[in-house]
Protein backbone atom coordinates (compact mmCIF):
# COMPACT_ATOMS: atom_id res chain seq x y z
CA UNK A 1 -1.87 14.33 36.78
CA UNK A 2 -4.56 12.15 36.68
CA UNK A 3 -5.74 13.05 39.54
CA UNK A 4 -5.41 16.37 38.49
CA UNK A 5 -7.93 14.68 35.09
CA UNK A 6 -10.24 13.21 37.70
CA UNK A 7 -11.23 16.34 39.42
CA UNK A 8 -11.07 18.66 36.46
CA UNK A 9 -11.84 16.93 32.80
CA UNK A 10 -13.96 13.95 33.78
CA UNK A 11 -16.66 15.64 35.65
CA UNK A 12 -16.93 18.81 32.96
CA UNK A 13 -17.50 15.62 30.03
CA UNK A 14 -19.81 13.72 32.23
CA UNK A 15 -21.65 17.06 32.23
CA UNK A 16 -21.05 18.44 28.18
CA UNK A 17 -21.86 14.71 27.24
CA UNK A 18 -24.22 13.73 29.70
CA UNK A 19 -22.07 10.42 30.38
CA UNK A 20 -23.77 7.51 32.54
CA UNK A 21 -22.91 4.23 33.45
CA UNK A 22 -23.60 0.73 34.26
CA UNK A 23 -22.26 -2.01 36.50
CA UNK A 24 -19.13 0.16 37.89
CA UNK A 25 -19.75 -1.70 41.05
CA UNK A 26 -17.39 -4.92 39.53
CA UNK A 27 -14.00 -2.59 40.68
CA UNK A 28 -14.94 -2.66 44.11
CA UNK A 29 -14.81 -6.43 43.39
CA UNK A 30 -11.61 -7.65 40.61
CA UNK A 31 -8.04 -7.33 41.64
CA UNK A 32 -5.10 -5.66 40.16
CA UNK A 33 -3.66 -5.51 37.48
CA UNK A 34 -6.43 -5.56 34.79
CA UNK A 35 -7.16 -4.86 31.16
CA UNK A 36 -10.00 -2.80 30.22
CA UNK A 37 -10.96 -2.95 26.43
CA UNK A 38 -13.44 -0.81 25.15
CA UNK A 39 -14.83 -0.23 21.74
CA UNK A 40 -13.81 3.04 19.84
CA UNK A 41 -16.48 5.76 19.03
CA UNK A 42 -14.85 9.06 19.74
CA UNK A 43 -11.86 11.26 20.51
CA UNK A 44 -13.36 11.09 24.18
CA UNK A 45 -13.53 7.74 24.65
CA UNK A 46 -10.18 7.50 26.76
CA UNK A 47 -11.64 10.07 29.14
CA UNK A 48 -15.12 8.90 29.71
CA UNK A 49 -14.32 5.05 30.33
CA UNK A 50 -11.22 5.75 32.95
CA UNK A 51 -14.18 8.72 34.77
CA UNK A 52 -15.59 5.59 36.05
CA UNK A 53 -12.93 3.25 36.91
CA UNK A 54 -10.67 3.99 39.82
CA UNK A 55 -7.30 4.82 39.48
CA UNK A 56 -5.37 5.77 36.48
CA UNK A 57 -5.57 3.70 33.08
CA UNK A 58 -2.15 3.48 30.92
CA UNK A 59 -3.76 3.46 27.57
CA UNK A 60 -1.90 1.99 24.46
CA UNK A 61 -1.43 5.28 22.37
CA UNK A 62 -0.84 5.58 18.62
CA UNK A 63 3.10 6.57 18.43
CA UNK A 64 1.64 9.68 15.94
CA UNK A 65 0.11 11.31 19.10
CA UNK A 66 4.07 11.57 20.74
CA UNK A 67 5.46 13.54 17.63
CA UNK A 68 4.46 16.87 19.12
CA UNK A 69 7.01 17.51 22.26
CA UNK A 70 3.96 19.00 24.36
CA UNK A 71 1.99 15.90 23.65
CA UNK A 72 4.71 13.63 24.48
CA UNK A 73 4.90 15.49 27.52
CA UNK A 74 0.96 15.31 28.65
CA UNK A 75 1.00 11.71 27.27
CA UNK A 76 3.91 10.97 29.40
CA UNK A 77 2.33 12.19 32.26
CA UNK A 78 -0.52 10.04 32.45
CA UNK A 79 1.41 7.06 31.70
CA UNK A 80 0.64 6.42 28.14
CA UNK A 81 1.99 3.68 25.89
CA UNK A 82 3.15 4.77 22.64
CA UNK A 83 2.40 1.95 20.37
CA UNK A 84 3.04 2.10 16.08
CA UNK A 85 -0.19 1.91 14.50
CA UNK A 86 -1.52 -1.19 12.62
CA UNK A 87 1.97 -2.74 12.54
CA UNK A 88 3.74 -5.19 15.48
CA UNK A 89 5.46 -3.48 18.42
CA UNK A 90 7.75 -4.86 20.60
CA UNK A 91 8.45 -2.48 22.90
CA UNK A 92 4.86 -1.30 23.50
CA UNK A 93 4.32 -5.43 24.32
CA UNK A 94 7.23 -4.66 26.86
CA UNK A 95 5.67 -1.76 28.58
CA UNK A 96 2.04 -2.68 29.21
CA UNK A 97 3.96 -5.80 30.61
CA UNK A 98 5.69 -3.47 32.90
CA UNK A 99 2.15 -1.80 33.95
CA UNK A 100 0.36 -5.10 34.46
CA UNK A 101 4.03 -5.88 37.01
CA UNK A 102 3.66 -2.82 38.85
CA UNK A 103 -0.51 -3.67 39.19
CA UNK A 104 -1.37 -0.88 36.77
CA UNK A 105 -4.45 -0.96 34.43
CA UNK A 106 -3.70 -1.40 30.77
CA UNK A 107 -6.53 0.56 28.60
CA UNK A 108 -6.65 -1.15 25.25
CA UNK A 109 -8.83 -0.10 21.88
CA UNK A 110 -9.08 -3.34 20.28
CA UNK A 111 -10.55 -2.35 16.81
CA UNK A 112 -7.06 -0.53 16.74
CA UNK A 113 -8.52 2.70 15.39
CA UNK A 114 -12.03 4.82 15.59
CA UNK A 115 -15.10 3.94 13.60
CA UNK A 116 -15.98 6.05 10.83
CA UNK A 117 -19.53 4.93 10.85
CA UNK A 118 -20.85 4.02 13.78
CA UNK A 119 -20.57 0.53 14.03
CA UNK A 120 -18.15 -1.38 15.41
CA UNK A 121 -15.52 -2.23 13.60
CA UNK A 122 -13.65 -6.26 13.76
CA UNK A 123 -11.67 -6.58 16.42
CA UNK A 124 -7.92 -7.44 16.22
CA UNK A 125 -7.21 -11.24 16.70
CA UNK A 126 -3.80 -9.85 18.61
CA UNK A 127 -6.11 -8.95 21.09
CA UNK A 128 -7.31 -11.86 22.53
CA UNK A 129 -3.75 -13.51 22.15
CA UNK A 130 -2.33 -10.41 24.27
CA UNK A 131 -4.98 -10.91 27.13
CA UNK A 132 -4.41 -14.77 27.06
CA UNK A 133 -0.63 -13.81 27.64
CA UNK A 134 -1.45 -11.72 30.51
CA UNK A 135 -4.02 -13.71 32.73
CA UNK A 136 -5.19 -10.84 34.39
CA UNK A 137 -8.84 -10.02 34.85
CA UNK A 138 -10.63 -8.50 31.36
CA UNK A 139 -13.46 -5.99 31.60
CA UNK A 140 -15.22 -4.55 28.86
CA UNK A 141 -16.54 -1.07 27.93
CA UNK A 142 -19.09 -0.90 25.23
CA UNK A 143 -19.50 2.77 24.78
CA UNK A 144 -23.14 4.09 23.58
CA UNK A 145 -23.97 7.38 21.95
CA UNK A 146 -20.36 8.46 21.78
CA UNK A 147 -20.04 8.79 17.90
CA UNK A 148 -23.53 10.58 17.78
CA UNK A 149 -21.89 13.01 20.14
CA UNK A 150 -18.28 13.63 18.83
CA UNK A 151 -18.42 12.05 15.10
CA UNK A 152 -15.13 11.06 14.35
CA UNK A 153 -15.39 13.21 10.82
CA UNK A 154 -17.10 16.14 12.24
CA UNK A 155 -15.78 19.31 13.42
CA UNK A 156 -18.61 20.07 16.10
CA UNK A 157 -19.69 18.04 19.06
CA UNK A 158 -23.34 17.50 19.94
CA UNK A 159 -25.30 17.55 23.44
CA UNK A 160 -27.03 14.67 23.51
CA UNK A 161 -26.29 11.56 26.13
CA UNK A 162 -23.60 8.88 26.15
CA UNK A 163 -23.74 5.51 28.19
CA UNK A 164 -21.08 3.19 29.04
CA UNK A 165 -21.67 -0.37 29.91
CA UNK A 166 -19.03 -2.35 32.06
CA UNK A 167 -18.64 -5.81 32.29
CA UNK A 168 -16.19 -8.33 33.77
CA UNK A 169 -15.19 -10.77 30.41
CA UNK A 170 -12.40 -12.67 32.25
CA UNK A 171 -10.89 -13.80 35.35
CA UNK A 172 -7.55 -15.38 35.06
CA UNK A 173 -8.45 -18.90 35.54
CA UNK A 174 -11.03 -18.54 32.59
CA UNK A 175 -8.45 -17.12 30.24
CA UNK A 176 -5.94 -20.04 31.10
CA UNK A 177 -9.12 -22.55 30.08
CA UNK A 178 -10.68 -20.75 27.22
CA UNK A 179 -8.87 -20.90 23.76
CA UNK A 180 -7.71 -17.62 21.61
CA UNK A 181 -10.59 -18.11 19.10
CA UNK A 182 -13.04 -17.75 22.42
CA UNK A 183 -11.51 -15.25 24.28
CA UNK A 184 -11.57 -13.17 20.74
CA UNK A 185 -15.49 -14.14 20.21
CA UNK A 186 -16.72 -13.19 23.81
CA UNK A 187 -14.74 -9.80 23.33
CA UNK A 188 -16.13 -9.09 19.69
CA UNK A 189 -19.76 -9.83 21.42
CA UNK A 190 -19.00 -8.04 24.48
CA UNK A 191 -17.75 -4.75 22.74
CA UNK A 192 -20.62 -5.41 19.15
CA UNK A 193 -22.12 -2.05 18.39
CA UNK A 194 -24.28 -0.45 16.32
CA UNK A 195 -25.11 3.37 17.01
CA UNK A 196 -28.59 3.61 14.44
CA UNK A 197 -29.78 0.43 15.85
CA UNK A 198 -28.96 1.77 19.49
CA UNK A 199 -30.69 4.83 19.06
CA UNK A 200 -33.78 3.56 16.54
CA UNK A 201 -35.36 2.72 19.55
CA UNK A 202 -33.92 5.48 21.90
CA UNK A 203 -35.20 8.81 19.83
CA UNK A 204 -32.49 10.35 21.52
CA UNK A 205 -31.83 13.86 20.09
CA UNK A 206 -28.05 14.89 19.33
CA UNK A 207 -28.70 18.66 18.81
CA UNK A 208 -25.23 20.65 17.37
CA UNK A 209 -24.47 23.04 14.48
CA UNK A 210 -24.04 22.18 11.22
CA UNK A 211 -24.35 18.74 11.86
CA UNK A 212 -23.65 16.96 8.68
CA UNK A 213 -20.56 18.99 7.82
CA UNK A 214 -17.05 17.33 6.99
CA UNK A 215 -19.47 14.05 6.65
CA UNK A 216 -17.73 13.78 3.43
CA UNK A 217 -14.78 12.68 5.35
CA UNK A 218 -16.16 9.07 5.69
CA UNK A 219 -18.88 9.08 2.90
CA UNK A 220 -17.22 9.39 -0.64
CA UNK A 221 -19.54 7.88 -3.37
CA UNK A 222 -22.83 8.50 -4.49
CA UNK A 223 -25.37 5.79 -3.22
CA UNK A 224 -27.69 7.33 -6.20
CA UNK A 225 -25.05 7.63 -9.43
CA UNK A 226 -22.08 5.73 -8.02
CA UNK A 227 -19.63 8.40 -8.81
CA UNK A 228 -16.39 9.07 -6.32
CA UNK A 229 -15.71 12.31 -4.59
CA UNK A 230 -18.87 13.94 -5.65
CA UNK A 231 -20.13 14.57 -1.60
CA UNK A 232 -20.38 17.72 -0.19
CA UNK A 233 -21.60 18.94 2.98
CA UNK A 234 -23.59 22.17 4.07
CA UNK A 235 -25.15 22.87 7.46
CA UNK A 236 -27.47 20.08 7.67
CA UNK A 237 -27.65 18.66 3.61
CA UNK A 238 -25.45 16.29 2.34
CA UNK A 239 -25.41 16.02 -1.28
CA UNK A 240 -23.87 14.56 -4.30
CA UNK A 241 -22.48 17.42 -6.99
CA UNK A 242 -22.84 14.87 -9.86
CA UNK A 243 -26.58 13.99 -10.11
CA UNK A 244 -27.53 16.81 -6.94
CA UNK A 245 -29.51 14.18 -4.95
CA UNK A 246 -29.18 15.24 -0.95
CA UNK A 247 -30.01 13.90 2.15
CA UNK A 248 -30.69 15.61 5.33
CA UNK A 249 -28.71 14.81 8.19
CA UNK A 250 -31.27 14.84 11.01
CA UNK A 251 -30.91 15.04 14.98
CA UNK A 252 -31.24 11.93 15.88
CA UNK A 253 -28.17 10.89 13.55
CA UNK A 254 -30.75 9.35 10.60
CA UNK A 255 -30.89 10.56 7.06
CA UNK A 256 -33.89 12.07 5.72
CA UNK A 257 -35.06 12.47 2.68
CA UNK A 258 -34.46 15.60 0.74
CA UNK A 259 -34.19 15.75 -3.08
CA UNK A 260 -34.55 12.36 -4.60
CA UNK A 261 -35.34 8.99 -3.21
CA UNK A 262 -33.78 7.99 0.19
CA UNK A 263 -31.43 4.88 -0.58
CA UNK A 264 -29.99 4.97 3.28
CA UNK A 265 -31.49 6.22 6.45
CA UNK A 266 -28.01 5.82 8.19
CA UNK A 267 -24.22 5.91 7.62
CA UNK A 268 -23.57 2.62 8.36
CA UNK A 269 -26.00 0.86 5.77
CA UNK A 270 -24.57 3.25 3.54
CA UNK A 271 -21.02 3.08 4.34
CA UNK A 272 -21.62 -0.52 3.70
CA UNK A 273 -22.59 -0.07 0.22
CA UNK A 274 -20.04 2.42 -0.26
CA UNK A 275 -17.17 0.07 0.67
CA UNK A 276 -18.40 -2.82 -1.36
CA UNK A 277 -18.94 -0.49 -4.78
CA UNK A 278 -15.49 0.79 -3.97
CA UNK A 279 -13.97 -2.89 -3.91
CA UNK A 280 -15.64 -3.61 -7.30
CA UNK A 281 -14.31 -0.41 -8.74
CA UNK A 282 -10.88 -1.12 -7.92
CA UNK A 283 -11.23 -4.60 -9.21
CA UNK A 284 -12.17 -3.36 -12.43
CA UNK A 285 -9.10 -0.70 -12.00
CA UNK A 286 -6.45 -2.87 -11.33
CA UNK A 287 -7.64 -5.91 -13.77
CA UNK A 288 -7.92 -3.43 -16.53
CA UNK A 289 -4.29 -2.17 -15.46
CA UNK A 290 -5.56 1.46 -16.53
CA UNK A 291 -2.93 3.95 -16.99
CA UNK A 292 -4.95 7.27 -15.55
CA UNK A 293 -5.14 7.33 -11.93
CA UNK A 294 -8.36 6.46 -10.25
CA UNK A 295 -7.99 8.95 -7.14
CA UNK A 296 -5.82 12.25 -7.18
CA UNK A 297 -5.68 14.41 -4.69
CA UNK A 298 -4.25 18.30 -5.38
CA UNK A 299 -2.35 20.67 -2.73
CA UNK A 300 -0.88 18.08 -0.29
CA UNK A 301 2.06 18.52 2.00
CA UNK A 302 3.91 15.60 2.48
CA UNK A 303 6.36 15.05 5.74
CA UNK A 304 9.12 12.04 6.48
CA UNK A 305 9.57 10.88 9.65
CA UNK A 306 9.98 7.41 11.56
CA UNK A 307 7.75 6.18 14.37
CA UNK A 308 7.34 9.06 17.25
CA UNK A 309 10.05 11.21 15.85
CA UNK A 310 8.97 14.79 14.50
CA UNK A 311 8.54 14.60 11.11
CA UNK A 312 10.08 16.84 8.35
CA UNK A 313 9.01 18.90 5.31
CA UNK A 314 9.57 16.16 2.56
CA UNK A 315 7.87 17.97 -0.42
CA UNK A 316 4.25 19.78 -1.65
CA UNK A 317 2.51 18.69 -4.56
CA UNK A 318 0.00 15.68 -5.63
CA UNK A 319 -0.82 12.44 -5.18
CA UNK A 320 -2.08 9.57 -7.08
CA UNK A 321 -3.42 6.28 -6.85
CA UNK A 322 -2.56 3.67 -9.88
CA UNK A 323 -3.14 -0.22 -9.94
CA UNK A 324 0.36 -1.19 -8.60
CA UNK A 325 1.74 1.97 -6.81
CA UNK A 326 0.76 5.73 -4.89
CA UNK A 327 2.78 7.99 -6.68
CA UNK A 328 3.67 11.72 -5.26
CA UNK A 329 4.30 14.11 -7.62
CA UNK A 330 6.24 17.08 -6.99
CA UNK A 331 7.99 20.21 -8.26
CA UNK A 332 10.91 19.40 -5.07
CA UNK A 333 11.52 15.54 -5.47
CA UNK A 334 9.85 14.85 -9.28
CA UNK A 335 7.54 11.77 -9.12
CA UNK A 336 8.55 9.41 -6.59
CA UNK A 337 6.50 5.59 -7.01
CA UNK A 338 5.59 3.91 -4.16
CA UNK A 339 4.53 0.26 -5.10
CA UNK A 340 1.37 -0.52 -3.28
CA UNK A 341 2.84 -4.39 -2.45
CA UNK A 342 5.38 -2.43 -0.10
CA UNK A 343 3.78 -0.23 1.66
CA UNK A 344 2.87 -1.10 5.48
CA UNK A 345 1.26 0.26 8.10
CA UNK A 346 -1.42 2.35 5.97
CA UNK A 347 -3.88 4.57 8.20
CA UNK A 348 -5.17 7.60 8.42
CA UNK A 349 -4.71 10.09 11.70
CA UNK A 350 -6.47 13.23 12.85
CA UNK A 351 -9.76 12.58 10.25
CA UNK A 352 -7.63 13.54 7.51
CA UNK A 353 -3.57 12.72 7.65
CA UNK A 354 -2.60 9.70 5.92
CA UNK A 355 0.17 8.04 7.39
CA UNK A 356 2.07 4.87 5.95
CA UNK A 357 5.47 3.54 5.96
CA UNK A 358 7.29 2.78 2.82
CA UNK A 359 10.75 1.43 3.40
CA UNK A 360 12.19 2.50 6.33
CA UNK A 361 10.29 5.66 6.15
CA UNK A 362 6.69 6.86 7.58
CA UNK A 363 5.41 9.15 4.97
CA UNK A 364 2.34 11.24 6.40
CA UNK A 365 0.03 12.94 3.43
CA UNK A 366 -1.85 16.38 4.75
CA UNK A 367 -4.06 17.49 1.84
CA UNK A 368 -4.81 21.62 2.14
CA UNK A 369 -8.60 21.01 1.79
CA UNK A 370 -9.46 20.11 5.60
CA UNK A 371 -12.61 18.10 3.88
CA UNK A 372 -10.97 15.82 1.60
CA UNK A 373 -11.45 12.06 2.67
CA UNK A 374 -7.61 10.37 2.97
CA UNK A 375 -10.00 7.29 4.27
CA UNK A 376 -10.94 6.10 0.45
CA UNK A 377 -6.88 6.44 -0.38
CA UNK A 378 -6.48 3.49 3.03
CA UNK A 379 -9.75 1.46 2.08
CA UNK A 380 -7.70 1.18 -1.85
CA UNK A 381 -4.69 0.10 -0.39
CA UNK A 382 -5.56 -2.24 1.67
CA UNK A 383 -7.78 -3.70 -0.72
CA UNK A 384 -5.37 -4.03 -3.84
CA UNK A 385 -2.93 -5.31 -1.09
CA UNK A 386 -5.53 -7.80 -0.22
CA UNK A 387 -5.66 -9.27 -3.93
CA UNK A 388 -1.74 -9.10 -4.40
CA UNK A 389 -1.24 -10.79 -1.33
CA UNK A 390 -3.82 -12.02 0.47
CA UNK A 391 -1.91 -14.26 2.73
CA UNK A 392 0.88 -12.03 3.99
CA UNK A 393 -2.24 -9.97 5.60
CA UNK A 394 -1.20 -10.05 9.25
CA UNK A 395 -2.70 -8.96 12.40
CA UNK A 396 -0.56 -6.85 15.16
CA UNK A 397 -1.37 -5.22 18.67
CA UNK A 398 -4.15 -2.44 18.24
């Protein structure tokens, strides 16, 4: 299967997205097994990175991708390793060790998820712990241009250019001598990337239809009036329905003035402000012990399951965020309160599906509106949990 993909999908990706690579000669000298650590910028990252690496990379993949029998079959054929997202998973570590013992190549995305705004996310500390344990060569792969080609929030891809820079970060003797902190720091330095600063001097055009559409999956707070959930996109325009301010999304990935002042010219700057603004709103909301929900989403389909098992229908209704809990409200189940302190492993799958564990059950919430922003729910739960129990926030294998 990997040979077939190398002969079919890889050439298509390289042509479609104009992909180039630097420093690929390192693969002629480093021995197997080894680990590849890329930054995560688009859905195509695993295939783009593997296109320039001899042989198959056995990627650690979210077990959500294994719930479809067809996907489970396909991912099994290419040797993917299932992992419960943002939670510790001993089975995943065991399978990584098996790949190592067979002389294979393991691929791990140290951020644990795809970037929402084009900037590298914080590296999970557990990655450094794992590679020190494996004691095999470590190669980093920094991807640039893939976010603007296929942004996480987008519905259509754009034609521009993508480059991948491979770097031999560690050999086994260096891992033995380095501390986990030193390993973590070097991985973070190698993978640090800002898509907009990268393109600010290169001026690569990323051309596609309706380039701003669905950006409200990632940007939900208006920088002019501060309202939440009022951002709407159409074609290349991003507008706030509350104050009517709007910006244009340009071909180089930067915002341009449309109506009203231009506060931020790129997604990362807007996203940083948005996160601070939202955290401040959450702080006031929680401390005031408000009785009205801060967030509410109607027409949500809720499924229930566990790990990679197929999900089953649970209810259809609404979901709302209160200071200490999430509530599911439906005709079938009535009101189901879920204390935020008991929620584990919250994350967003496939851009719009919110997943988390409550008790021993996995819940998946899918809004009927594909433009809905479940990302803000992820941010809200994580921040409230950090207020409730900051000492218990643990790092897990991505």
